[in-house]
N, C-alpha and C. Protein backbone atom coordinates (compact mmCIF):
# COMPACT_ATOMS: atom_id res chain seq x y z
N MET A 1 128.75 -54.36 -44.92
CA MET A 1 127.93 -53.02 -43.98
C MET A 1 128.60 -53.42 -42.75
N GLN A 2 129.40 -52.23 -41.75
CA GLN A 2 130.13 -52.57 -41.13
C GLN A 2 129.46 -51.46 -39.54
N SER A 3 129.47 -51.60 -38.41
CA SER A 3 128.93 -51.16 -37.38
C SER A 3 129.39 -49.86 -37.21
N ASN A 4 128.84 -48.75 -36.78
CA ASN A 4 128.97 -47.44 -36.77
C ASN A 4 130.12 -47.36 -35.40
N LYS A 5 131.37 -47.14 -35.65
CA LYS A 5 132.75 -47.07 -34.50
C LYS A 5 132.28 -46.19 -33.68
N THR A 6 131.60 -44.84 -34.17
CA THR A 6 131.13 -43.82 -33.20
C THR A 6 130.35 -44.45 -31.97
N TYR A 7 129.40 -44.77 -32.66
CA TYR A 7 128.26 -45.29 -31.51
C TYR A 7 128.81 -46.61 -30.85
N GLN A 8 129.44 -47.26 -31.47
CA GLN A 8 130.09 -48.35 -30.40
C GLN A 8 130.95 -48.07 -29.22
N THR A 9 131.78 -46.76 -29.63
CA THR A 9 132.56 -46.44 -28.57
C THR A 9 131.60 -45.66 -27.48
N ILE A 10 130.73 -44.82 -28.16
CA ILE A 10 129.65 -44.49 -27.01
C ILE A 10 129.08 -45.46 -26.13
N PHE A 11 128.60 -46.47 -27.06
CA PHE A 11 128.04 -47.29 -26.05
C PHE A 11 128.86 -48.30 -25.06
N LYS A 12 130.03 -48.27 -25.81
CA LYS A 12 131.24 -49.23 -24.76
C LYS A 12 131.46 -48.18 -23.61
N PHE A 13 131.89 -46.96 -23.71
CA PHE A 13 132.35 -46.15 -22.84
C PHE A 13 131.62 -45.46 -22.07
N GLY A 14 130.19 -45.40 -22.56
CA GLY A 14 129.43 -43.98 -21.85
C GLY A 14 129.11 -44.40 -20.33
N LEU A 15 128.96 -45.54 -19.98
CA LEU A 15 128.94 -45.86 -18.28
C LEU A 15 129.97 -45.59 -17.83
N LEU A 16 131.41 -46.04 -18.21
CA LEU A 16 132.45 -45.44 -17.67
C LEU A 16 132.77 -44.03 -17.27
N GLY A 17 132.16 -43.26 -18.59
CA GLY A 17 132.22 -41.74 -18.50
C GLY A 17 131.26 -41.04 -17.32
N ILE A 18 130.03 -41.61 -17.55
CA ILE A 18 129.08 -40.95 -16.59
C ILE A 18 129.66 -41.58 -15.04
N GLY A 19 130.06 -42.90 -15.11
CA GLY A 19 130.23 -43.08 -13.50
C GLY A 19 131.50 -42.26 -12.83
N ILE A 20 132.42 -41.77 -13.87
CA ILE A 20 133.47 -40.98 -13.46
C ILE A 20 133.08 -39.37 -13.32
N LEU A 21 132.11 -39.10 -13.77
CA LEU A 21 131.51 -37.81 -13.85
C LEU A 21 130.62 -37.69 -12.36
N PHE A 22 129.97 -38.91 -11.91
CA PHE A 22 129.43 -39.00 -10.64
C PHE A 22 130.68 -38.79 -9.59
N LEU A 23 131.52 -39.40 -9.55
CA LEU A 23 132.53 -39.43 -8.84
C LEU A 23 133.40 -37.98 -8.46
N VAL A 24 133.55 -37.59 -9.64
CA VAL A 24 134.02 -36.03 -9.73
C VAL A 24 132.91 -35.26 -8.94
N ILE A 25 131.99 -35.50 -9.23
CA ILE A 25 130.85 -34.34 -8.84
C ILE A 25 130.64 -34.65 -7.11
N SER A 26 130.96 -36.01 -6.75
CA SER A 26 130.74 -36.36 -5.29
C SER A 26 132.07 -35.72 -4.64
N VAL A 27 133.07 -35.82 -5.39
CA VAL A 27 134.17 -35.26 -4.67
C VAL A 27 134.33 -33.79 -4.40
N PHE A 28 133.74 -33.05 -5.43
CA PHE A 28 133.56 -31.58 -5.28
C PHE A 28 132.49 -30.90 -4.50
N SER A 29 131.28 -32.10 -4.19
CA SER A 29 130.32 -31.49 -3.37
C SER A 29 130.66 -31.84 -2.01
N TRP A 30 131.79 -32.78 -1.71
CA TRP A 30 132.36 -32.91 -0.35
C TRP A 30 133.78 -31.81 -0.06
N PHE A 31 134.27 -31.58 -1.01
CA PHE A 31 135.60 -30.91 -0.84
C PHE A 31 135.63 -29.38 -0.90
N LEU A 32 134.64 -29.31 -1.90
CA LEU A 32 134.43 -27.73 -2.51
C LEU A 32 133.25 -27.44 -2.95
N PRO A 33 132.31 -27.67 -1.64
CA PRO A 33 130.93 -27.13 -1.85
C PRO A 33 130.42 -25.91 -2.17
N GLN A 34 131.57 -25.11 -2.16
CA GLN A 34 131.14 -23.70 -2.48
C GLN A 34 131.03 -23.35 -3.87
N LEU A 35 131.73 -24.45 -4.46
CA LEU A 35 131.72 -24.41 -5.88
C LEU A 35 130.13 -24.40 -6.77
N ILE A 36 129.63 -25.47 -5.96
CA ILE A 36 128.28 -25.72 -6.60
C ILE A 36 127.17 -24.98 -6.15
N VAL A 37 126.27 -24.32 -6.93
CA VAL A 37 125.39 -23.32 -6.77
C VAL A 37 123.99 -23.81 -7.09
N MET A 38 123.32 -23.73 -6.28
CA MET A 38 121.68 -24.18 -6.50
C MET A 38 120.68 -22.94 -5.91
N ASN A 39 119.96 -22.34 -7.01
CA ASN A 39 119.03 -21.24 -6.73
C ASN A 39 119.65 -20.21 -6.16
N GLY A 40 121.07 -19.97 -6.79
CA GLY A 40 121.86 -18.91 -6.23
C GLY A 40 122.55 -18.91 -4.72
N GLU A 41 122.47 -20.09 -4.36
CA GLU A 41 122.93 -20.47 -3.08
C GLU A 41 123.88 -21.60 -2.93
N SER A 42 125.07 -21.42 -2.44
CA SER A 42 125.93 -22.54 -2.59
C SER A 42 125.26 -23.52 -1.52
N ILE A 43 125.59 -24.76 -1.90
CA ILE A 43 125.08 -26.07 -1.37
C ILE A 43 126.19 -26.22 -0.03
N GLU A 44 125.55 -26.89 1.00
CA GLU A 44 126.18 -27.14 2.22
C GLU A 44 126.98 -28.64 1.98
N ARG A 45 127.79 -29.17 2.80
CA ARG A 45 128.38 -30.45 2.78
C ARG A 45 127.40 -31.37 3.36
N ASP A 46 126.97 -32.61 2.33
CA ASP A 46 126.07 -33.29 3.19
C ASP A 46 126.47 -34.63 2.80
N PHE A 47 126.67 -35.54 3.74
CA PHE A 47 127.49 -36.95 3.63
C PHE A 47 126.32 -37.79 2.62
N VAL A 48 125.03 -37.73 2.89
CA VAL A 48 124.22 -38.98 2.61
C VAL A 48 124.40 -38.20 0.94
N ILE A 49 124.02 -37.10 0.33
CA ILE A 49 124.23 -36.91 -1.08
C ILE A 49 125.29 -37.29 -1.52
N THR A 50 126.67 -37.43 -1.08
CA THR A 50 127.79 -37.43 -1.63
C THR A 50 127.69 -39.11 -1.68
N MET A 51 127.35 -39.52 -0.42
CA MET A 51 127.39 -41.40 -0.73
C MET A 51 126.65 -41.80 -1.77
N VAL A 52 125.57 -41.07 -1.98
CA VAL A 52 124.46 -41.51 -3.11
C VAL A 52 125.36 -41.26 -4.43
N PHE A 53 125.89 -40.15 -4.85
CA PHE A 53 126.70 -40.15 -5.96
C PHE A 53 127.77 -40.87 -6.00
N ILE A 54 128.66 -41.30 -4.96
CA ILE A 54 129.77 -42.17 -5.13
C ILE A 54 129.11 -43.36 -5.48
N ILE A 55 128.10 -44.26 -4.69
CA ILE A 55 127.29 -45.50 -4.95
C ILE A 55 127.05 -45.29 -6.22
N ILE A 56 126.46 -44.25 -6.90
CA ILE A 56 125.90 -44.49 -8.03
C ILE A 56 127.32 -44.52 -9.19
N GLY A 57 127.97 -43.61 -8.73
CA GLY A 57 129.25 -43.87 -9.81
C GLY A 57 130.08 -45.04 -9.79
N VAL A 58 130.34 -45.72 -8.82
CA VAL A 58 131.06 -46.92 -8.66
C VAL A 58 129.92 -48.26 -9.35
N PHE A 59 128.71 -48.21 -9.15
CA PHE A 59 127.79 -49.01 -9.64
C PHE A 59 127.77 -49.06 -11.32
N GLN A 60 128.04 -47.60 -11.85
CA GLN A 60 128.02 -47.39 -13.37
C GLN A 60 129.53 -48.04 -13.89
N ILE A 61 130.40 -47.68 -12.95
CA ILE A 61 131.61 -48.28 -13.39
C ILE A 61 131.88 -49.83 -13.03
N ILE A 62 131.10 -50.47 -12.26
CA ILE A 62 131.23 -51.86 -12.06
C ILE A 62 130.63 -52.37 -13.19
N ILE A 63 129.26 -51.61 -13.88
CA ILE A 63 128.59 -52.29 -14.66
C ILE A 63 129.27 -52.30 -16.16
N PHE A 64 130.06 -51.00 -16.30
CA PHE A 64 130.67 -50.87 -17.41
C PHE A 64 132.16 -52.11 -17.38
N PHE A 65 132.72 -52.30 -16.51
CA PHE A 65 133.56 -53.76 -16.58
C PHE A 65 132.76 -55.02 -16.83
N LEU A 66 131.78 -55.13 -16.57
CA LEU A 66 130.96 -56.61 -16.74
C LEU A 66 130.38 -56.56 -18.25
N ILE A 67 130.09 -55.57 -18.60
CA ILE A 67 129.54 -55.34 -20.14
C ILE A 67 130.66 -54.90 -21.26
N LYS A 68 131.51 -54.56 -21.04
CA LYS A 68 132.43 -53.85 -22.19
C LYS A 68 133.33 -54.74 -22.83
N ASN A 69 133.26 -56.07 -22.92
CA ASN A 69 133.61 -56.97 -23.56
C ASN A 69 132.23 -57.39 -24.71
N LYS A 70 131.13 -57.14 -24.38
CA LYS A 70 130.35 -57.47 -25.17
C LYS A 70 129.98 -56.77 -26.24
N PHE A 71 130.62 -55.63 -26.38
CA PHE A 71 130.17 -54.47 -27.68
C PHE A 71 131.46 -54.79 -28.43
N VAL A 72 130.82 -55.26 -29.80
CA VAL A 72 131.67 -55.55 -30.78
C VAL A 72 131.24 -54.83 -32.26
N LEU A 73 132.42 -54.62 -32.87
CA LEU A 73 132.17 -54.54 -34.44
C LEU A 73 131.99 -55.51 -35.27
N ALA A 74 130.55 -55.45 -35.83
CA ALA A 74 130.34 -56.51 -36.73
C ALA A 74 130.09 -56.08 -38.41
N ASN A 75 130.85 -56.70 -39.16
CA ASN A 75 130.76 -56.54 -40.36
C ASN A 75 130.00 -57.77 -41.17
N MET A 76 129.02 -57.26 -41.78
CA MET A 76 127.74 -58.23 -42.41
C MET A 76 127.91 -58.23 -43.67
N GLY A 77 128.01 -59.42 -44.25
CA GLY A 77 127.66 -59.63 -46.00
C GLY A 77 126.52 -60.69 -45.92
N ASN A 78 126.61 -61.11 -47.20
CA ASN A 78 125.58 -61.85 -47.76
C ASN A 78 125.82 -63.55 -46.99
N GLN A 79 126.78 -63.69 -46.94
CA GLN A 79 127.16 -65.09 -46.48
C GLN A 79 127.94 -65.30 -45.15
N SER A 80 128.64 -64.08 -44.64
CA SER A 80 129.33 -64.28 -43.14
C SER A 80 129.06 -63.13 -42.56
N ILE A 81 129.72 -63.34 -41.36
CA ILE A 81 129.71 -61.97 -40.34
C ILE A 81 130.93 -62.09 -39.54
N VAL A 82 131.70 -60.77 -40.24
CA VAL A 82 132.78 -60.54 -39.04
C VAL A 82 132.75 -60.12 -37.78
N VAL A 83 133.01 -60.84 -36.75
CA VAL A 83 132.71 -59.91 -35.44
C VAL A 83 134.25 -59.60 -34.83
N LYS A 84 134.25 -58.56 -34.48
CA LYS A 84 135.78 -58.02 -34.01
C LYS A 84 135.83 -57.18 -32.99
N ASN A 85 136.46 -57.48 -31.90
CA ASN A 85 136.42 -57.02 -30.78
C ASN A 85 138.27 -56.86 -30.34
N GLY A 86 138.46 -55.46 -30.67
CA GLY A 86 140.17 -55.36 -30.17
C GLY A 86 140.71 -55.95 -31.15
N GLU A 87 141.58 -56.84 -30.75
CA GLU A 87 142.52 -57.65 -31.78
C GLU A 87 141.93 -59.30 -31.77
N TRP A 88 140.72 -59.37 -31.38
CA TRP A 88 139.75 -60.91 -31.38
C TRP A 88 139.05 -60.50 -32.62
N GLU A 89 139.14 -61.27 -33.63
CA GLU A 89 138.12 -61.39 -34.86
C GLU A 89 137.82 -62.70 -34.98
N GLU A 90 136.19 -62.98 -35.36
CA GLU A 90 135.96 -64.25 -35.62
C GLU A 90 135.02 -64.08 -36.88
N ILE A 91 135.42 -64.82 -37.80
CA ILE A 91 134.56 -64.93 -39.14
C ILE A 91 133.39 -66.17 -39.02
N VAL A 92 131.95 -65.73 -38.92
CA VAL A 92 131.09 -66.43 -38.85
C VAL A 92 130.16 -66.75 -39.99
N ASN A 93 129.77 -67.92 -40.34
CA ASN A 93 128.84 -67.97 -41.46
C ASN A 93 127.41 -67.77 -40.70
N TRP A 94 126.43 -67.25 -41.88
CA TRP A 94 125.14 -67.31 -41.08
C TRP A 94 124.48 -68.05 -40.53
N LEU A 95 124.79 -69.15 -40.94
CA LEU A 95 123.92 -70.75 -40.83
C LEU A 95 124.66 -70.72 -39.16
N ASP A 96 125.75 -70.26 -38.77
CA ASP A 96 126.27 -70.61 -37.20
C ASP A 96 125.59 -69.33 -36.07
N VAL A 97 124.75 -68.65 -36.72
CA VAL A 97 124.18 -67.81 -35.91
C VAL A 97 123.05 -68.34 -35.21
N GLU A 98 123.03 -68.25 -33.69
CA GLU A 98 121.99 -69.14 -32.88
C GLU A 98 120.64 -68.54 -32.65
N SER A 99 120.96 -66.87 -32.43
CA SER A 99 119.98 -65.76 -32.22
C SER A 99 120.33 -64.70 -32.70
N LEU A 100 119.55 -63.68 -32.84
CA LEU A 100 119.66 -62.47 -33.41
C LEU A 100 118.80 -61.50 -33.22
N TYR A 101 118.63 -60.75 -32.54
CA TYR A 101 117.31 -59.73 -32.44
C TYR A 101 117.82 -58.56 -31.87
N LEU A 102 116.95 -57.46 -32.05
CA LEU A 102 117.05 -56.23 -31.79
C LEU A 102 116.69 -55.67 -30.28
N ILE A 103 117.55 -54.81 -29.50
CA ILE A 103 117.16 -54.64 -28.33
C ILE A 103 116.24 -53.36 -28.23
N GLN A 104 115.37 -53.61 -27.62
CA GLN A 104 114.38 -52.37 -27.65
C GLN A 104 114.97 -51.48 -26.73
N PHE A 105 114.17 -50.05 -26.98
CA PHE A 105 114.36 -49.03 -26.28
C PHE A 105 115.83 -48.56 -26.03
N VAL A 106 116.69 -49.07 -26.95
CA VAL A 106 118.07 -48.42 -27.04
C VAL A 106 118.19 -47.59 -28.37
N TYR A 107 118.72 -46.51 -28.54
CA TYR A 107 119.10 -45.68 -29.64
C TYR A 107 120.57 -45.28 -29.96
N PRO A 108 120.95 -45.43 -30.86
CA PRO A 108 120.41 -45.92 -32.16
C PRO A 108 120.34 -47.79 -32.11
N PRO A 109 119.78 -48.12 -33.14
CA PRO A 109 119.60 -49.63 -33.05
C PRO A 109 120.72 -50.47 -32.44
N LEU A 110 120.44 -51.52 -31.38
CA LEU A 110 121.72 -52.31 -30.86
C LEU A 110 121.08 -53.82 -31.05
N TYR A 111 121.66 -54.67 -31.52
CA TYR A 111 121.46 -55.81 -31.70
C TYR A 111 122.33 -56.87 -30.84
N ARG A 112 121.52 -58.05 -30.22
CA ARG A 112 121.91 -58.92 -29.75
C ARG A 112 122.49 -60.18 -30.69
N ILE A 113 123.57 -60.86 -30.50
CA ILE A 113 123.93 -61.76 -31.42
C ILE A 113 124.50 -63.18 -30.81
N LYS A 114 123.98 -64.34 -30.84
CA LYS A 114 124.64 -65.40 -30.04
C LYS A 114 125.09 -66.34 -31.24
N ILE A 115 126.05 -66.79 -31.12
CA ILE A 115 126.87 -67.56 -32.16
C ILE A 115 126.84 -68.72 -31.41
N LYS A 116 126.77 -70.13 -32.37
CA LYS A 116 126.93 -71.41 -32.02
C LYS A 116 128.46 -71.71 -31.74
N GLY A 117 128.47 -72.17 -30.73
CA GLY A 117 129.78 -72.88 -30.27
C GLY A 117 130.83 -71.69 -29.15
N ILE A 118 130.29 -70.56 -29.28
CA ILE A 118 130.67 -69.14 -28.42
C ILE A 118 129.71 -69.00 -27.48
N GLU A 119 130.17 -69.28 -25.99
CA GLU A 119 129.21 -68.90 -24.78
C GLU A 119 128.57 -67.46 -24.71
N LYS A 120 129.66 -66.49 -25.03
CA LYS A 120 129.12 -65.13 -24.73
C LYS A 120 128.41 -64.81 -25.85
N THR A 121 127.32 -63.89 -25.56
CA THR A 121 126.64 -63.13 -26.62
C THR A 121 127.39 -62.02 -26.78
N PHE A 122 127.11 -61.13 -28.10
CA PHE A 122 127.71 -60.02 -28.26
C PHE A 122 126.42 -58.95 -28.65
N TRP A 123 126.90 -57.75 -28.55
CA TRP A 123 125.89 -56.55 -29.06
C TRP A 123 126.76 -55.78 -29.93
N PHE A 124 126.12 -55.41 -30.91
CA PHE A 124 126.50 -54.45 -32.28
C PHE A 124 125.35 -53.53 -32.46
N ASN A 125 125.83 -52.43 -32.97
CA ASN A 125 124.72 -51.27 -33.38
C ASN A 125 125.09 -51.10 -35.06
N THR A 126 123.95 -50.59 -35.29
CA THR A 126 123.72 -50.25 -36.95
C THR A 126 123.76 -48.34 -36.98
N GLU A 127 123.53 -48.21 -38.17
CA GLU A 127 123.57 -46.77 -38.49
C GLU A 127 122.17 -46.25 -37.73
N ASN A 128 122.25 -44.82 -37.76
CA ASN A 128 121.62 -43.82 -37.04
C ASN A 128 120.36 -43.57 -38.04
N HIS A 129 119.70 -44.97 -38.37
CA HIS A 129 118.32 -44.77 -39.26
C HIS A 129 117.21 -45.65 -38.55
N PHE A 130 116.39 -45.11 -37.67
CA PHE A 130 115.62 -45.86 -36.90
C PHE A 130 114.17 -45.13 -36.67
N VAL A 131 113.05 -45.60 -36.30
CA VAL A 131 111.95 -45.01 -36.30
C VAL A 131 111.76 -45.44 -34.69
N ASN A 132 111.26 -44.45 -33.95
CA ASN A 132 110.94 -44.78 -32.19
C ASN A 132 109.72 -44.29 -32.12
N ALA A 133 108.65 -45.53 -31.44
CA ALA A 133 107.32 -45.14 -31.34
C ALA A 133 107.28 -45.82 -29.93
N GLY A 134 107.20 -44.65 -28.63
CA GLY A 134 106.68 -45.44 -27.45
C GLY A 134 107.82 -46.09 -26.80
N GLY A 135 109.01 -45.87 -27.38
CA GLY A 135 110.32 -46.54 -26.76
C GLY A 135 110.50 -47.47 -27.84
N PHE A 136 109.76 -48.34 -28.31
CA PHE A 136 110.11 -49.34 -29.51
C PHE A 136 110.63 -48.83 -30.83
N THR A 137 111.80 -49.55 -31.02
CA THR A 137 112.54 -49.08 -32.11
C THR A 137 112.30 -50.31 -33.47
N THR A 138 112.15 -49.51 -34.83
CA THR A 138 112.42 -49.91 -36.05
C THR A 138 113.54 -49.71 -36.59
N ASP A 139 114.55 -50.52 -36.84
CA ASP A 139 115.74 -50.08 -37.94
C ASP A 139 115.61 -50.16 -39.27
N LEU A 140 115.83 -48.98 -39.97
CA LEU A 140 115.55 -48.85 -41.20
C LEU A 140 116.64 -48.71 -42.32
N SER A 141 117.72 -48.87 -41.55
CA SER A 141 119.15 -49.16 -42.28
C SER A 141 119.33 -50.36 -43.28
N LYS A 142 120.17 -50.01 -43.79
CA LYS A 142 120.42 -51.16 -44.96
C LYS A 142 120.81 -52.49 -44.09
N ARG A 143 121.60 -52.53 -43.42
CA ARG A 143 122.15 -53.44 -42.45
C ARG A 143 120.68 -53.94 -41.59
N GLY A 144 119.84 -53.25 -41.00
CA GLY A 144 118.61 -53.84 -40.75
C GLY A 144 117.77 -54.57 -41.61
N ASP A 145 117.78 -54.17 -43.04
CA ASP A 145 116.87 -54.73 -43.72
C ASP A 145 117.77 -56.12 -44.20
N LEU A 146 119.17 -56.12 -44.26
CA LEU A 146 119.82 -57.38 -44.44
C LEU A 146 119.59 -58.45 -43.24
N ILE A 147 119.46 -58.05 -41.83
CA ILE A 147 119.44 -58.65 -40.79
C ILE A 147 117.87 -59.33 -41.00
N GLN A 148 117.07 -58.59 -41.14
CA GLN A 148 115.37 -58.98 -41.31
C GLN A 148 115.26 -60.14 -42.35
N LYS A 149 116.15 -59.85 -43.33
CA LYS A 149 116.19 -60.82 -44.66
C LYS A 149 116.77 -62.30 -44.14
N LYS A 150 117.78 -62.14 -43.74
CA LYS A 150 118.81 -63.28 -43.01
C LYS A 150 117.76 -63.89 -41.94
N LYS A 151 117.11 -63.48 -41.24
CA LYS A 151 116.18 -64.05 -40.14
C LYS A 151 114.94 -64.58 -40.82
N ARG A 152 114.65 -64.47 -41.97
CA ARG A 152 113.34 -64.77 -42.39
C ARG A 152 114.10 -66.06 -43.14
N GLU A 153 115.03 -65.90 -44.06
CA GLU A 153 115.68 -66.79 -44.72
C GLU A 153 115.75 -68.17 -43.95
N LEU A 154 116.78 -67.79 -42.96
CA LEU A 154 117.21 -69.13 -42.15
C LEU A 154 116.30 -69.24 -40.83
N GLY A 155 115.37 -68.29 -40.46
CA GLY A 155 114.50 -69.15 -39.22
C GLY A 155 115.37 -68.57 -38.25
N ILE A 156 116.02 -67.62 -38.18
CA ILE A 156 116.91 -67.16 -36.82
C ILE A 156 115.89 -66.65 -35.90
């Protein structure tokens, strides 16, 4: 059972895309304000609004560079987990998993895994089979069932 590559890409590069979008909007609002129309009227050039959009865009791009290496593809089996990030690949026994839990308020389900002997924590996603109630997520995928089973068996 492998992570969904589409969702992994969206999680990994979403902040970069949104940050670039905010920067482009700020450039357009400053240099071409007549292109932006609100309530039928073109907006005027406003330094404060432009700076707010630039700050939000730069902040999101900085966050992207801080967390981009946390998103991995995880291929899970009954005995081991293969964690892959680009060219880097690590085969980990379930007994070497220090902690594994579902991150709430994120859709589709996103898990956080900490492996013994590796200082970094990694994030991986599952398929789009979940229940969301009040922001809390329950993973209903086959991978979610395997994770719950292994957590019970190994006391993770």
